[in-house]
C-alpha cells in the first residue's frame, strides 16, 4: 500500500501563536503516526513562489494522512495557525510502482 504525504508550505505572521499551533500539531502527529521528513530547514524556490516554512509528513497510507488532518487533535491545533499564516497544504499518495 502506498504511503500518504502531507506537504505544507507556509508563511507565518505571528511566530508566538504559530508556536502554540506547532506544539499541538506535534502531539497530533505523534497520535496519528506521522513521520516528519522535513520541518523548517533550508529551502529555495526552483520554480514558482517560495514560502518561508516547508513541512513534509509521511503516513502509513493516504487515508491515515487524511485522518490526521481532519482529526480533532489537529483541528484544535489548526485554530491557532489559520489566523496567523498563509499557505498551502496538499495530500499526496506515494508512488508504489516500478521506478523508471
N, C-alpha and C. Protein backbone atom coordinates (compact mmCIF):
# COMPACT_ATOMS: atom_id res chain seq x y z
N UNK A 1 0.84 -1.18 0.00
CA UNK A 1 0.00 0.00 0.00
C UNK A 1 0.89 1.24 0.00
N UNK A 2 0.63 2.20 -0.89
CA UNK A 2 1.43 3.43 -0.94
C UNK A 2 1.26 4.27 0.32
N UNK A 3 2.32 4.94 0.68
CA UNK A 3 2.27 5.86 1.82
C UNK A 3 1.50 7.12 1.42
N UNK A 4 1.13 7.89 2.45
CA UNK A 4 0.49 9.19 2.23
C UNK A 4 1.40 10.29 2.75
N UNK A 5 1.39 11.41 2.06
CA UNK A 5 2.25 12.53 2.43
C UNK A 5 1.43 13.81 2.52
N UNK A 6 1.71 14.60 3.54
CA UNK A 6 1.16 15.95 3.61
C UNK A 6 2.33 16.89 3.40
N UNK A 7 2.18 17.77 2.42
CA UNK A 7 3.19 18.78 2.12
C UNK A 7 2.58 20.13 2.46
N UNK A 8 3.22 20.85 3.36
CA UNK A 8 2.74 22.17 3.78
C UNK A 8 3.77 23.22 3.44
N UNK A 9 3.30 24.31 2.84
CA UNK A 9 4.15 25.46 2.51
C UNK A 9 3.49 26.66 3.16
N UNK A 10 4.18 27.31 4.10
CA UNK A 10 3.52 28.31 4.94
C UNK A 10 4.40 29.54 5.15
N UNK A 11 3.76 30.71 5.14
CA UNK A 11 4.35 31.95 5.61
C UNK A 11 3.67 32.29 6.93
N UNK A 12 4.45 32.60 7.94
CA UNK A 12 3.94 32.83 9.29
C UNK A 12 4.03 34.32 9.63
N UNK A 13 2.91 34.87 10.15
CA UNK A 13 2.85 36.29 10.51
C UNK A 13 3.05 36.53 12.01
N UNK A 14 2.82 35.51 12.85
CA UNK A 14 2.96 35.66 14.31
C UNK A 14 3.63 34.39 14.84
N UNK A 15 4.93 34.49 15.09
CA UNK A 15 5.72 33.32 15.49
C UNK A 15 5.27 32.76 16.84
N UNK A 16 4.86 33.60 17.76
CA UNK A 16 4.45 33.12 19.08
C UNK A 16 3.17 32.28 18.99
N UNK A 17 2.19 32.77 18.27
CA UNK A 17 0.95 32.00 18.12
C UNK A 17 1.19 30.74 17.29
N UNK A 18 2.06 30.83 16.31
CA UNK A 18 2.38 29.66 15.49
C UNK A 18 3.05 28.59 16.35
N UNK A 19 3.84 29.00 17.33
CA UNK A 19 4.49 28.04 18.23
C UNK A 19 3.45 27.24 19.03
N UNK A 20 2.35 27.88 19.40
CA UNK A 20 1.26 27.17 20.09
C UNK A 20 0.67 26.13 19.15
N UNK A 21 0.46 26.51 17.89
CA UNK A 21 -0.01 25.57 16.86
C UNK A 21 0.95 24.40 16.73
N UNK A 22 2.24 24.70 16.62
CA UNK A 22 3.25 23.66 16.39
C UNK A 22 3.25 22.64 17.51
N UNK A 23 3.09 23.08 18.73
CA UNK A 23 3.06 22.16 19.88
C UNK A 23 1.87 21.21 19.75
N UNK A 24 0.70 21.74 19.45
CA UNK A 24 -0.49 20.90 19.28
C UNK A 24 -0.39 19.99 18.07
N UNK A 25 0.17 20.51 16.99
CA UNK A 25 0.32 19.71 15.77
C UNK A 25 1.28 18.55 16.00
N UNK A 26 2.36 18.79 16.74
CA UNK A 26 3.31 17.70 17.04
C UNK A 26 2.63 16.59 17.83
N UNK A 27 1.78 16.95 18.77
CA UNK A 27 1.06 15.94 19.54
C UNK A 27 0.12 15.15 18.62
N UNK A 28 -0.57 15.85 17.73
CA UNK A 28 -1.46 15.18 16.77
C UNK A 28 -0.65 14.25 15.86
N UNK A 29 0.53 14.69 15.45
CA UNK A 29 1.40 13.85 14.62
C UNK A 29 1.78 12.57 15.36
N UNK A 30 2.13 12.72 16.63
CA UNK A 30 2.51 11.56 17.44
C UNK A 30 1.34 10.57 17.52
N UNK A 31 0.16 11.08 17.82
CA UNK A 31 -1.04 10.24 17.96
C UNK A 31 -1.35 9.50 16.65
N UNK A 32 -1.16 10.16 15.52
CA UNK A 32 -1.56 9.60 14.23
C UNK A 32 -0.41 8.97 13.44
N UNK A 33 0.75 8.83 14.06
CA UNK A 33 1.84 8.08 13.45
C UNK A 33 2.56 8.79 12.33
N UNK A 34 2.60 10.11 12.36
CA UNK A 34 3.32 10.84 11.31
C UNK A 34 4.83 10.69 11.49
N UNK A 35 5.51 10.64 10.39
CA UNK A 35 6.97 10.69 10.37
C UNK A 35 7.35 12.01 9.70
N UNK A 36 8.10 12.84 10.40
CA UNK A 36 8.49 14.14 9.86
C UNK A 36 9.70 13.94 8.94
N UNK A 37 9.52 14.26 7.67
CA UNK A 37 10.61 14.15 6.69
C UNK A 37 11.33 15.47 6.52
N UNK A 38 10.60 16.57 6.63
CA UNK A 38 11.19 17.91 6.56
C UNK A 38 10.34 18.82 7.43
N UNK A 39 11.01 19.73 8.15
CA UNK A 39 10.29 20.65 9.03
C UNK A 39 11.15 21.90 9.21
N UNK A 40 10.77 22.96 8.49
CA UNK A 40 11.57 24.18 8.55
C UNK A 40 12.73 24.06 7.59
N UNK A 41 13.92 24.05 8.08
CA UNK A 41 15.10 23.81 7.26
C UNK A 41 15.26 24.73 6.06
N UNK A 42 16.39 24.61 5.44
CA UNK A 42 16.75 25.42 4.28
C UNK A 42 15.90 25.03 3.08
N UNK A 43 15.48 26.03 2.31
CA UNK A 43 14.72 25.76 1.08
C UNK A 43 14.92 26.92 0.12
N UNK A 44 14.61 26.66 -1.14
CA UNK A 44 14.62 27.72 -2.15
C UNK A 44 13.63 27.34 -3.24
N UNK A 45 13.03 28.34 -3.82
CA UNK A 45 12.09 28.11 -4.92
C UNK A 45 12.88 27.83 -6.19
N UNK A 46 12.63 26.71 -6.78
CA UNK A 46 13.24 26.39 -8.07
C UNK A 46 12.36 26.87 -9.20
N UNK A 47 11.06 26.95 -8.91
CA UNK A 47 10.09 27.48 -9.87
C UNK A 47 8.86 27.88 -9.07
N UNK A 48 8.27 29.01 -9.38
CA UNK A 48 7.09 29.47 -8.65
C UNK A 48 7.45 30.21 -7.37
N UNK A 49 6.42 30.55 -6.61
CA UNK A 49 6.58 31.34 -5.40
C UNK A 49 7.07 30.49 -4.23
N UNK A 50 8.04 31.01 -3.49
CA UNK A 50 8.56 30.31 -2.30
C UNK A 50 7.72 30.67 -1.08
N UNK A 51 7.73 29.81 -0.10
CA UNK A 51 7.17 30.07 1.22
C UNK A 51 8.32 29.94 2.21
N UNK A 52 8.19 30.63 3.35
CA UNK A 52 9.28 30.64 4.33
C UNK A 52 9.41 29.33 5.08
N UNK A 53 8.31 28.60 5.26
CA UNK A 53 8.34 27.37 6.05
C UNK A 53 7.75 26.22 5.22
N UNK A 54 8.45 25.10 5.19
CA UNK A 54 8.01 23.94 4.44
C UNK A 54 8.08 22.70 5.32
N UNK A 55 7.04 21.89 5.26
CA UNK A 55 6.96 20.68 6.08
C UNK A 55 6.49 19.53 5.20
N UNK A 56 7.12 18.36 5.37
CA UNK A 56 6.68 17.15 4.68
C UNK A 56 6.49 16.07 5.74
N UNK A 57 5.27 15.53 5.81
CA UNK A 57 4.93 14.47 6.75
C UNK A 57 4.62 13.20 5.99
N UNK A 58 5.08 12.07 6.50
CA UNK A 58 4.81 10.77 5.90
C UNK A 58 3.89 9.98 6.83
N UNK A 59 2.90 9.33 6.23
CA UNK A 59 1.97 8.48 6.97
C UNK A 59 1.93 7.10 6.34
N UNK A 60 1.43 6.15 7.09
CA UNK A 60 1.31 4.76 6.63
C UNK A 60 0.54 4.65 5.32
N UNK A 61 -0.44 5.54 5.12
CA UNK A 61 -1.26 5.49 3.91
C UNK A 61 -1.88 6.87 3.65
N UNK A 62 -2.44 7.01 2.47
CA UNK A 62 -3.17 8.23 2.10
C UNK A 62 -4.30 8.48 3.09
N UNK A 63 -5.06 7.42 3.39
CA UNK A 63 -6.20 7.57 4.30
C UNK A 63 -5.77 7.98 5.70
N UNK A 64 -4.64 7.44 6.19
CA UNK A 64 -4.13 7.81 7.52
C UNK A 64 -3.73 9.28 7.55
N UNK A 65 -3.13 9.77 6.48
CA UNK A 65 -2.75 11.18 6.41
C UNK A 65 -3.99 12.06 6.43
N UNK A 66 -5.00 11.66 5.70
CA UNK A 66 -6.26 12.41 5.66
C UNK A 66 -6.94 12.41 7.03
N UNK A 67 -6.92 11.26 7.71
CA UNK A 67 -7.49 11.17 9.05
C UNK A 67 -6.78 12.10 10.01
N UNK A 68 -5.44 12.17 9.92
CA UNK A 68 -4.67 13.09 10.76
C UNK A 68 -5.14 14.52 10.56
N UNK A 69 -5.21 14.96 9.30
CA UNK A 69 -5.55 16.35 9.03
C UNK A 69 -6.93 16.70 9.56
N UNK A 70 -7.88 15.79 9.45
CA UNK A 70 -9.25 16.06 9.87
C UNK A 70 -9.52 15.64 11.32
N UNK A 71 -8.51 15.15 12.02
CA UNK A 71 -8.70 14.69 13.40
C UNK A 71 -9.01 15.85 14.33
N UNK A 72 -9.72 15.58 15.42
CA UNK A 72 -9.99 16.62 16.41
C UNK A 72 -8.70 17.22 16.98
N UNK A 73 -7.67 16.38 17.14
CA UNK A 73 -6.40 16.86 17.69
C UNK A 73 -5.75 17.89 16.78
N UNK A 74 -5.70 17.58 15.48
CA UNK A 74 -5.07 18.53 14.55
C UNK A 74 -5.95 19.76 14.35
N UNK A 75 -7.23 19.57 14.23
CA UNK A 75 -8.12 20.71 14.00
C UNK A 75 -8.08 21.70 15.17
N UNK A 76 -7.91 21.19 16.38
CA UNK A 76 -7.76 22.07 17.54
C UNK A 76 -6.49 22.91 17.41
N UNK A 77 -5.38 22.28 17.01
CA UNK A 77 -4.12 23.00 16.81
C UNK A 77 -4.25 23.99 15.66
N UNK A 78 -4.93 23.59 14.62
CA UNK A 78 -5.10 24.42 13.41
C UNK A 78 -5.76 25.76 13.72
N UNK A 79 -6.60 25.79 14.73
CA UNK A 79 -7.26 27.05 15.12
C UNK A 79 -6.24 28.14 15.46
N UNK A 80 -5.06 27.74 15.93
CA UNK A 80 -4.01 28.71 16.27
C UNK A 80 -3.21 29.13 15.04
N UNK A 81 -3.14 28.25 14.04
CA UNK A 81 -2.36 28.55 12.83
C UNK A 81 -3.12 29.40 11.83
N UNK A 82 -4.35 29.05 11.59
CA UNK A 82 -5.11 29.66 10.49
C UNK A 82 -5.11 31.19 10.51
N UNK A 83 -5.32 31.83 11.66
CA UNK A 83 -5.37 33.30 11.62
C UNK A 83 -4.02 33.99 11.43
N UNK A 84 -2.92 33.26 11.61
CA UNK A 84 -1.61 33.93 11.59
C UNK A 84 -0.68 33.38 10.51
N UNK A 85 -1.25 32.72 9.51
CA UNK A 85 -0.39 32.17 8.45
C UNK A 85 -1.15 32.11 7.13
N UNK A 86 -0.35 32.02 6.07
CA UNK A 86 -0.88 31.85 4.72
C UNK A 86 -0.10 30.70 4.10
N UNK A 87 -0.80 29.82 3.42
CA UNK A 87 -0.06 28.73 2.80
C UNK A 87 -0.95 27.72 2.12
N UNK A 88 -0.31 26.64 1.73
CA UNK A 88 -0.98 25.55 1.05
C UNK A 88 -0.63 24.25 1.77
N UNK A 89 -1.63 23.39 1.92
CA UNK A 89 -1.46 22.05 2.48
C UNK A 89 -1.99 21.07 1.45
N UNK A 90 -1.15 20.13 1.03
CA UNK A 90 -1.52 19.19 -0.03
C UNK A 90 -1.33 17.77 0.48
N UNK A 91 -2.30 16.91 0.18
CA UNK A 91 -2.22 15.49 0.49
C UNK A 91 -1.84 14.75 -0.79
N UNK A 92 -0.79 13.93 -0.72
CA UNK A 92 -0.27 13.25 -1.91
C UNK A 92 -0.10 11.77 -1.60
N UNK A 93 -0.57 10.93 -2.53
CA UNK A 93 -0.34 9.50 -2.39
C UNK A 93 1.04 9.16 -2.94
N UNK A 94 1.78 8.36 -2.20
CA UNK A 94 3.11 7.95 -2.63
C UNK A 94 3.05 7.01 -3.83
N UNK A 95 4.16 6.89 -4.50
CA UNK A 95 4.28 6.03 -5.67
C UNK A 95 4.68 4.63 -5.21
N UNK A 96 3.95 3.64 -5.64
CA UNK A 96 4.19 2.28 -5.18
C UNK A 96 4.44 1.34 -6.37
N UNK A 97 5.10 1.84 -7.38
CA UNK A 97 5.33 1.03 -8.57
C UNK A 97 6.79 0.97 -8.95
N UNK A 98 7.00 0.57 -10.17
CA UNK A 98 8.36 0.45 -10.71
C UNK A 98 8.96 1.83 -10.94
N UNK A 99 10.24 1.94 -10.66
CA UNK A 99 10.97 3.17 -10.96
C UNK A 99 11.35 3.17 -12.43
N UNK A 100 11.33 4.34 -13.06
CA UNK A 100 11.70 4.41 -14.49
C UNK A 100 13.16 4.06 -14.71
